Protein backbone atom coordinates (compact mmCIF):
# COMPACT_ATOMS: atom_id res chain seq x y z
CA MET A 1 72.64 -41.91 79.19
CA SER A 2 73.43 -40.62 82.67
CA PRO A 3 70.81 -40.59 85.46
CA SER A 4 70.82 -36.78 85.26
CA LEU A 5 69.95 -36.78 81.57
CA LEU A 6 67.40 -39.55 82.00
CA ALA A 7 65.74 -37.59 84.81
CA LEU A 8 65.71 -34.47 82.61
CA LEU A 9 64.14 -36.49 79.81
CA GLY A 10 61.64 -37.89 82.30
CA PHE A 11 60.76 -34.41 83.54
CA ILE A 12 60.22 -33.17 79.98
CA THR A 13 58.22 -36.27 79.08
CA TRP A 14 56.03 -35.95 82.20
CA THR A 15 55.33 -32.31 81.30
CA LEU A 16 54.47 -33.37 77.76
CA LEU A 17 52.16 -36.16 78.97
CA LEU A 18 50.22 -33.72 81.15
CA LEU A 19 49.86 -31.41 78.15
CA LEU A 20 48.74 -34.28 75.92
CA LEU A 21 46.13 -35.34 78.47
CA MET A 22 44.81 -31.79 78.70
CA GLU A 23 44.64 -31.41 74.94
CA ALA A 24 43.00 -34.82 74.48
CA ILE A 25 40.25 -33.86 76.94
CA ARG A 26 39.88 -30.43 75.34
CA SER A 27 39.65 -32.04 71.89
CA GLN A 28 36.92 -34.36 73.12
CA LEU A 29 35.02 -31.39 74.54
CA VAL A 30 35.24 -29.56 71.21
CA LEU A 31 34.33 -32.59 69.11
CA SER A 32 31.34 -33.35 71.31
CA GLY A 33 30.16 -29.74 71.01
CA LYS A 34 30.37 -29.09 74.76
CA VAL A 35 32.91 -26.28 74.37
CA ALA A 36 33.64 -24.08 71.36
CA ALA A 37 37.14 -24.35 69.92
CA ASN A 38 37.81 -20.81 71.10
CA GLY A 39 36.09 -21.33 74.44
CA PHE A 40 39.11 -22.29 76.51
CA ASN A 41 41.20 -20.12 78.78
CA PRO A 42 44.73 -20.98 79.91
CA GLU A 43 43.82 -21.99 83.46
CA ASN A 44 40.71 -23.99 82.39
CA SER A 45 38.63 -21.98 84.88
CA ASN A 46 35.53 -22.50 82.75
CA LEU A 47 35.95 -26.28 82.88
CA SER A 48 35.77 -29.00 85.52
CA PRO A 49 37.79 -28.85 88.74
CA PHE A 50 39.93 -31.73 87.40
CA MET A 51 40.78 -29.74 84.26
CA GLN A 52 41.70 -26.74 86.41
CA ARG A 53 44.01 -28.92 88.51
CA LEU A 54 45.48 -30.44 85.33
CA ALA A 55 46.26 -26.97 83.97
CA ARG A 56 47.99 -26.04 87.24
CA ALA A 57 49.91 -29.32 87.42
CA HIS A 58 51.18 -28.74 83.88
CA ALA A 59 52.03 -25.11 84.67
CA ASN A 60 53.91 -26.23 87.80
CA CYS A 61 56.06 -28.48 85.61
CA LEU A 62 56.74 -25.64 83.19
CA GLU A 63 57.64 -23.33 86.06
CA GLY A 64 60.04 -25.85 87.59
CA LEU A 65 61.69 -27.06 84.41
CA PRO A 66 64.11 -24.12 83.96
CA VAL A 67 65.36 -24.43 87.54
CA PHE A 68 65.45 -28.19 88.05
CA GLY A 69 66.19 -29.05 84.43
CA GLY A 70 68.74 -26.26 84.23
CA LEU A 71 70.67 -27.64 87.18
CA LEU A 72 70.64 -31.15 85.69
CA LEU A 73 71.83 -29.89 82.33
CA LEU A 74 74.44 -27.59 83.86
CA ALA A 75 75.92 -30.46 85.83
CA VAL A 76 76.18 -32.67 82.75
CA VAL A 77 77.63 -29.93 80.53
CA ALA A 78 80.13 -28.96 83.22
CA GLY A 79 81.23 -32.56 83.63
CA GLN A 80 79.85 -32.59 87.19
CA ALA A 81 77.03 -35.12 86.76
CA GLU A 82 78.34 -36.92 89.85
CA VAL A 83 76.71 -34.07 91.81
CA THR A 84 73.23 -34.58 90.34
CA ASP A 85 73.20 -38.27 89.36
CA PRO A 86 72.58 -39.70 92.86
CA LEU A 87 69.39 -37.66 93.44
CA ALA A 88 68.21 -37.19 89.85
CA TYR A 89 65.59 -39.94 89.98
CA GLY A 90 64.47 -38.73 93.41
CA LEU A 91 63.82 -35.28 91.97
CA LEU A 92 61.82 -36.78 89.10
CA ALA A 93 59.83 -39.00 91.45
CA ALA A 94 59.01 -36.04 93.69
CA ARG A 95 57.84 -34.05 90.65
CA ILE A 96 55.56 -36.87 89.48
CA VAL A 97 54.19 -37.39 93.01
CA GLN A 98 53.48 -33.66 93.27
CA SER A 99 51.57 -33.69 89.97
CA VAL A 100 49.59 -36.84 90.75
CA ILE A 101 48.52 -35.47 94.11
CA HIS A 102 47.56 -32.21 92.42
CA LEU A 103 45.39 -34.10 89.95
CA ALA A 104 43.76 -36.18 92.67
CA SER A 105 42.66 -33.64 95.24
CA LEU A 106 42.74 -30.17 96.71
CA SER A 107 42.01 -31.32 100.25
CA ALA A 108 44.15 -29.89 103.04
CA ALA A 109 45.99 -33.20 103.41
CA ALA A 110 46.63 -33.39 99.66
CA VAL A 111 47.91 -29.81 99.52
CA THR A 112 50.24 -30.55 102.44
CA ALA A 113 51.53 -33.71 100.74
CA ARG A 114 51.94 -31.85 97.46
CA PHE A 115 53.93 -29.13 99.20
CA ALA A 116 56.11 -31.79 100.84
CA ALA A 117 56.88 -33.26 97.40
CA PHE A 118 57.74 -29.77 96.16
CA GLY A 119 59.89 -29.23 99.25
CA VAL A 120 61.88 -32.34 98.36
CA GLN A 121 62.53 -30.88 94.93
CA LEU A 122 63.58 -27.55 96.40
CA GLY A 123 65.90 -29.23 98.87
CA ILE A 124 67.54 -31.30 96.15
CA ALA A 125 67.90 -28.26 93.87
CA LEU A 126 69.44 -26.15 96.63
CA TYR A 127 71.88 -28.94 97.46
CA TRP A 128 72.82 -29.24 93.79
CA ALA A 129 73.24 -25.49 93.34
CA VAL A 130 75.60 -25.25 96.32
CA ALA A 131 77.50 -28.41 95.37
CA LEU A 132 77.96 -27.21 91.79
CA LEU A 133 79.07 -23.80 92.99
CA LEU A 134 81.67 -25.38 95.25
CA ALA A 135 82.82 -28.00 92.71
């Protein structure tokens, strides 16, 4: 499997792992009687700050997947994976770093670092989009 497809699989898997973590914690809250089964809202605003950050980290992955994943898939389908392969793992690493920082803290330094990780992803995606357009 090419680095582009492995990075896409990694992106999807990371998104899935964040969802599984959120649902495991929610299940524990329901089973322990702390929250009713119908007592959740999408952004977890009625739960702990960590759960709110987890919901946003997961949503960030879902928001980015069509753009970043779409470029990876487009390159592979178009036979242009040589455009995305060299930076595919870098994009995935930046996504995971962004999520981990999001889960850890909302301090000013953490938000700045998280934005930097997102900026790396945007820079890579813009480079890919232009390179694929010109290929």
